[in-house]
Amino acid sequence: MNGPILEVRDLTRAFGGIIAVNNLNFAVKEGSIHGLIGPNGAGKTTTFNVISGFYSPTRGQVIYQGQDVSGMKTAKLAEIGLIRTFQGTTLFKEFSVIDNVRVGCHRSSRASFFSRITGADRAIEAAATERSRELLDFFNMGHLADDPTSTLPHGHQRALGMAVALAADPRIILLDEPFTGMNPEETQRMMDLVRRVRKRGVTVMLVEHDMKAVMGLCDIITVMNFGSLLTEGTPSTVRNDRKVIEAYLGSAIDAA
């Protein structure tokens, strides 16, 4: 692993008199799988929203690849390789599986999405289709390429969301609760996919409540509580930290 690809420095986000994130600092190493955990209301989602450009910080900085991107819009961040997925899978359910991935390809292309859909740029359209098929094969979904997205089971829809994100050529992907609603088999499959994404050279940061997944995947885990940093370390360090057990994990850590 190399140096940090992403840093938050003295990050604060307030909503009126409510401070959702309070003077937060952490760094995500390039090539790592980095977890962000904490109790409900700890500020995890707000932190993700600030990093990914949905909110501007009240104070502090977001540094991506050495550049201050604080307050940069989501679309611009996507262009430079910072991609965020959402807890609710954001797919075009009326499109085919492969057409959803082709939508993701337009982010990394000079051609517009509409020119590709209408066939105005045949060469780029063909390249997008080829890349989309390669990504679907990578996620073991090539056989589903022409199926309506609405017919996919939950786990496959989450995997498709990751394929769409990868189509935009990210350097880092922020995954918002990727294991929500999954059964154990789907969870294991998604964990394997996240590891494979990392092997492609993509850094992964995730917010997640499934402790088995977090402890089994992450190299480093940042723990938040009441908007602030509680502790940070390897899964082994975090699972045995008394402050973390009292604030969040409790006896449930034994199941992780």
Protein backbone atom coordinates (compact mmCIF):
# COMPACT_ATOMS: atom_id res chain seq x y z
CA MET A 1 0.00 0.00 0.00
CA ASN A 2 1.07 3.55 -0.72
CA GLY A 3 0.31 6.91 0.90
CA PRO A 4 -3.18 8.33 1.42
CA ILE A 5 -5.48 8.75 -1.56
CA LEU A 6 -8.10 10.48 0.59
CA GLU A 7 -7.85 12.58 3.76
CA VAL A 8 -10.29 14.54 5.86
CA ARG A 9 -8.64 17.25 7.92
CA ASP A 10 -10.36 18.92 10.85
CA LEU A 11 -13.67 18.25 9.09
CA THR A 12 -16.78 19.81 10.59
CA ARG A 13 -20.31 19.91 9.22
CA ALA A 14 -23.05 21.72 11.11
CA PHE A 15 -26.75 22.06 10.37
CA GLY A 16 -27.87 25.14 12.21
CA GLY A 17 -26.93 24.53 15.83
CA ILE A 18 -26.46 20.79 15.34
CA ILE A 19 -22.91 19.60 14.72
CA ALA A 20 -23.13 16.34 12.77
CA VAL A 21 -19.37 15.98 12.17
CA ASN A 22 -16.96 17.55 14.62
CA ASN A 23 -13.28 18.17 13.84
CA LEU A 24 -12.82 14.76 12.21
CA ASN A 25 -9.46 13.55 10.91
CA PHE A 26 -8.56 10.34 9.11
CA ALA A 27 -6.73 9.14 6.00
CA VAL A 28 -7.48 6.33 3.55
CA LYS A 29 -4.41 4.58 2.13
CA GLU A 30 -4.35 3.97 -1.59
CA GLY A 31 -5.11 0.33 -2.38
CA SER A 32 -6.82 -0.36 0.94
CA ILE A 33 -10.30 -1.37 2.02
CA HIS A 34 -11.20 1.15 4.72
CA GLY A 35 -14.26 0.92 6.96
CA LEU A 36 -16.17 3.76 8.60
CA ILE A 37 -18.42 2.52 11.40
CA GLY A 38 -20.28 3.80 14.44
CA PRO A 39 -23.72 3.88 16.07
CA ASN A 40 -26.73 5.38 14.33
CA GLY A 41 -26.35 9.15 14.38
CA ALA A 42 -22.56 8.99 14.67
CA GLY A 43 -22.11 11.14 11.55
CA LYS A 44 -20.97 8.48 9.09
CA THR A 45 -23.44 9.31 6.31
CA THR A 46 -22.88 13.04 6.73
CA THR A 47 -19.13 12.41 6.41
CA PHE A 48 -19.74 10.45 3.20
CA ASN A 49 -21.98 13.24 1.93
CA VAL A 50 -19.29 15.84 2.51
CA ILE A 51 -16.54 13.72 0.94
CA SER A 52 -18.68 12.99 -2.12
CA GLY A 53 -19.77 16.59 -2.68
CA PHE A 54 -23.39 16.51 -1.56
CA TYR A 55 -22.55 18.89 1.29
CA SER A 56 -19.80 21.44 1.65
CA PRO A 57 -17.86 21.33 4.90
CA THR A 58 -18.61 23.98 7.48
CA ARG A 59 -14.92 23.89 8.34
CA GLY A 60 -11.97 21.73 7.41
CA GLN A 61 -10.86 20.07 4.20
CA VAL A 62 -11.34 17.02 2.02
CA ILE A 63 -8.08 16.13 0.26
CA TYR A 64 -8.18 13.73 -2.70
CA GLN A 65 -4.91 12.72 -4.37
CA GLY A 66 -3.25 15.71 -2.75
CA GLN A 67 -5.85 18.19 -4.05
CA ASP A 68 -8.26 20.15 -1.89
CA VAL A 69 -11.68 19.12 -3.24
CA SER A 70 -13.74 20.53 -0.37
CA GLY A 71 -17.18 21.47 -1.67
CA MET A 72 -16.47 20.23 -5.20
CA LYS A 73 -19.65 19.02 -6.90
CA THR A 74 -20.39 15.31 -7.18
CA ALA A 75 -20.19 15.25 -10.99
CA LYS A 76 -16.75 16.87 -10.97
CA LEU A 77 -15.50 14.45 -8.32
CA ALA A 78 -16.72 11.56 -10.47
CA GLU A 79 -14.74 12.92 -13.41
CA ILE A 80 -11.52 12.77 -11.38
CA GLY A 81 -12.19 9.28 -10.05
CA LEU A 82 -14.04 9.64 -6.74
CA ILE A 83 -17.27 7.65 -7.05
CA ARG A 84 -19.92 7.03 -4.42
CA THR A 85 -22.66 4.40 -4.39
CA PHE A 86 -25.80 4.64 -2.30
CA GLN A 87 -27.57 2.50 0.27
CA GLY A 88 -30.63 2.50 -1.99
CA THR A 89 -29.52 1.00 -5.29
CA THR A 90 -29.82 3.76 -7.91
CA LEU A 91 -30.48 1.87 -11.12
CA PHE A 92 -32.71 2.41 -14.12
CA LYS A 93 -35.08 -0.47 -13.48
CA GLU A 94 -36.69 -0.17 -16.91
CA PHE A 95 -33.31 -0.56 -18.66
CA SER A 96 -31.57 -3.83 -19.39
CA VAL A 97 -28.67 -4.85 -17.18
CA ILE A 98 -26.06 -3.93 -19.78
CA ASP A 99 -27.67 -0.57 -20.53
CA ASN A 100 -27.30 0.38 -16.87
CA VAL A 101 -23.57 -0.27 -17.09
CA ARG A 102 -23.38 1.71 -20.33
CA VAL A 103 -24.89 4.66 -18.47
CA GLY A 104 -21.92 4.46 -16.08
CA CYS A 105 -19.51 4.49 -19.02
CA HIS A 106 -20.59 7.98 -20.11
CA ARG A 107 -18.90 9.50 -17.04
CA SER A 108 -15.46 8.58 -18.33
CA SER A 109 -16.14 9.42 -21.99
CA ARG A 110 -16.09 12.66 -23.92
CA ALA A 111 -19.32 11.72 -25.62
CA SER A 112 -22.58 12.51 -23.92
CA PHE A 113 -24.86 9.85 -22.53
CA PHE A 114 -27.57 10.82 -25.03
CA SER A 115 -25.22 10.59 -28.02
CA ARG A 116 -24.36 7.05 -26.99
CA ILE A 117 -27.95 5.99 -26.41
CA THR A 118 -29.05 7.43 -29.76
CA GLY A 119 -26.06 5.94 -31.57
CA ALA A 120 -24.69 9.32 -32.70
CA ASP A 121 -21.18 8.25 -31.86
CA ARG A 122 -20.84 4.67 -33.06
CA ALA A 123 -17.23 4.12 -32.08
CA ILE A 124 -17.72 5.26 -28.50
CA GLU A 125 -20.98 3.33 -28.29
CA ALA A 126 -19.20 0.14 -29.38
CA ALA A 127 -16.40 0.73 -26.87
CA ALA A 128 -18.94 1.30 -24.11
CA THR A 129 -20.74 -1.92 -24.95
CA GLU A 130 -17.49 -3.88 -24.98
CA ARG A 131 -16.43 -2.42 -21.62
CA SER A 132 -19.88 -3.07 -20.17
CA ARG A 133 -19.74 -6.73 -21.15
CA GLU A 134 -16.24 -7.03 -19.65
CA LEU A 135 -17.48 -5.57 -16.36
CA LEU A 136 -20.53 -7.82 -16.27
CA ASP A 137 -18.27 -10.83 -16.84
CA PHE A 138 -16.05 -9.58 -14.01
CA PHE A 139 -19.08 -9.61 -11.71
CA ASN A 140 -20.22 -13.00 -13.06
CA MET A 141 -23.33 -11.39 -14.54
CA GLY A 142 -22.57 -11.66 -18.24
CA HIS A 143 -25.39 -14.13 -18.75
CA LEU A 144 -27.84 -11.51 -17.41
CA ALA A 145 -26.76 -8.70 -19.76
CA ASP A 146 -30.03 -8.48 -21.68
CA ASP A 147 -32.38 -9.13 -18.76
CA PRO A 148 -34.56 -6.33 -17.40
CA THR A 149 -32.90 -4.86 -14.32
CA SER A 150 -36.22 -4.97 -12.47
CA THR A 151 -36.12 -8.79 -12.48
CA LEU A 152 -32.75 -9.08 -10.68
CA PRO A 153 -32.68 -10.30 -7.08
CA HIS A 154 -31.46 -7.86 -4.45
CA GLY A 155 -27.88 -9.12 -4.29
CA HIS A 156 -27.45 -8.92 -8.05
CA GLN A 157 -28.86 -5.39 -8.10
CA ARG A 158 -26.24 -4.32 -5.55
CA ALA A 159 -23.53 -5.98 -7.63
CA LEU A 160 -24.85 -4.21 -10.72
CA GLY A 161 -24.61 -0.91 -8.86
CA MET A 162 -20.92 -1.63 -8.29
CA ALA A 163 -20.47 -2.49 -11.97
CA VAL A 164 -22.01 0.86 -12.90
CA ALA A 165 -19.61 2.60 -10.50
CA LEU A 166 -16.60 0.75 -11.95
CA ALA A 167 -17.65 1.76 -15.45
CA ALA A 168 -16.74 5.35 -14.51
CA ASP A 169 -13.06 4.38 -13.98
CA PRO A 170 -12.83 5.28 -10.28
CA ARG A 171 -9.65 5.54 -8.26
CA ILE A 172 -11.70 5.21 -5.07
CA ILE A 173 -15.25 3.96 -4.48
CA LEU A 174 -17.29 4.98 -1.45
CA LEU A 175 -19.77 2.19 -0.71
CA ASP A 176 -22.78 3.18 1.41
CA GLU A 177 -23.95 0.08 3.33
CA PRO A 178 -23.33 -2.37 0.48
CA PHE A 179 -24.53 -5.39 2.49
CA THR A 180 -27.89 -4.00 3.64
CA GLY A 181 -30.75 -6.47 3.20
CA MET A 182 -28.54 -9.32 2.05
CA ASN A 183 -28.78 -12.91 3.18
CA PRO A 184 -25.54 -14.67 4.25
CA GLU A 185 -24.91 -16.12 0.80
CA GLU A 186 -25.35 -12.72 -0.88
CA THR A 187 -23.14 -11.09 1.74
CA GLN A 188 -20.32 -13.55 1.12
CA ARG A 189 -20.62 -13.04 -2.62
CA MET A 190 -20.49 -9.25 -2.23
CA MET A 191 -17.46 -9.50 0.06
CA ASP A 192 -15.67 -11.50 -2.62
CA LEU A 193 -16.60 -8.87 -5.22
CA VAL A 194 -15.28 -6.03 -3.05
CA ARG A 195 -11.95 -7.86 -2.71
CA ARG A 196 -11.82 -8.34 -6.47
CA VAL A 197 -12.53 -4.65 -7.04
CA ARG A 198 -9.55 -3.81 -4.81
CA LYS A 199 -7.38 -6.19 -6.84
CA ARG A 200 -8.22 -4.08 -9.91
CA GLY A 201 -6.38 -1.21 -8.24
CA VAL A 202 -9.43 0.58 -6.86
CA THR A 203 -9.37 1.83 -3.27
CA VAL A 204 -12.56 1.04 -1.36
CA MET A 205 -14.09 2.90 1.56
CA LEU A 206 -17.33 1.66 3.05
CA VAL A 207 -19.92 2.59 5.65
CA GLU A 208 -21.49 -0.58 7.00
CA HIS A 209 -23.29 -2.03 10.02
CA ASP A 210 -22.64 -5.68 9.20
CA MET A 211 -19.72 -6.36 11.53
CA LYS A 212 -18.89 -9.76 10.02
CA ALA A 213 -18.39 -8.06 6.66
CA VAL A 214 -16.46 -5.11 8.13
CA MET A 215 -14.14 -7.26 10.23
CA GLY A 216 -13.61 -9.73 7.38
CA LEU A 217 -12.88 -7.13 4.69
CA CYS A 218 -11.25 -4.01 6.05
CA ASP A 219 -7.57 -3.27 6.47
CA ILE A 220 -8.27 -0.25 8.67
CA ILE A 221 -11.46 0.76 10.46
CA THR A 222 -12.32 4.31 11.56
CA VAL A 223 -14.89 4.44 14.36
CA MET A 224 -17.06 7.53 14.87
CA ASN A 225 -19.27 8.46 17.80
CA PHE A 226 -21.29 11.66 18.22
CA GLY A 227 -19.69 13.15 15.11
CA SER A 228 -16.12 12.68 16.32
CA LEU A 229 -13.34 10.15 15.93
CA LEU A 230 -13.56 7.50 18.63
CA THR A 231 -10.66 5.32 17.53
CA GLU A 232 -9.00 3.82 14.47
CA GLY A 233 -7.02 0.71 13.75
CA THR A 234 -6.97 -2.80 12.33
CA PRO A 235 -10.03 -5.03 12.81
CA SER A 236 -8.25 -6.84 15.64
CA THR A 237 -7.47 -3.56 17.40
CA VAL A 238 -10.97 -2.19 16.98
CA ARG A 239 -12.80 -5.34 18.06
CA ASN A 240 -10.85 -5.35 21.33
CA ASP A 241 -11.05 -1.63 22.06
CA ARG A 242 -13.04 -1.07 25.24
CA LYS A 243 -14.31 2.34 24.08
CA VAL A 244 -15.68 0.80 20.87
CA ILE A 245 -17.31 -2.09 22.69
CA GLU A 246 -19.04 0.24 25.12
CA ALA A 247 -20.12 2.79 22.50
CA TYR A 248 -21.14 0.52 19.65
CA LEU A 249 -20.26 -3.13 19.37
CA GLY A 250 -21.24 -4.48 22.79
CA SER A 251 -21.68 -8.22 23.06
CA ALA A 252 -22.52 -8.37 19.34
CA ILE A 253 -18.80 -8.23 18.59
CA ASP A 254 -18.58 -11.89 19.53
CA ALA A 255 -20.59 -12.72 16.42
CA ALA A 256 -18.34 -10.77 14.05
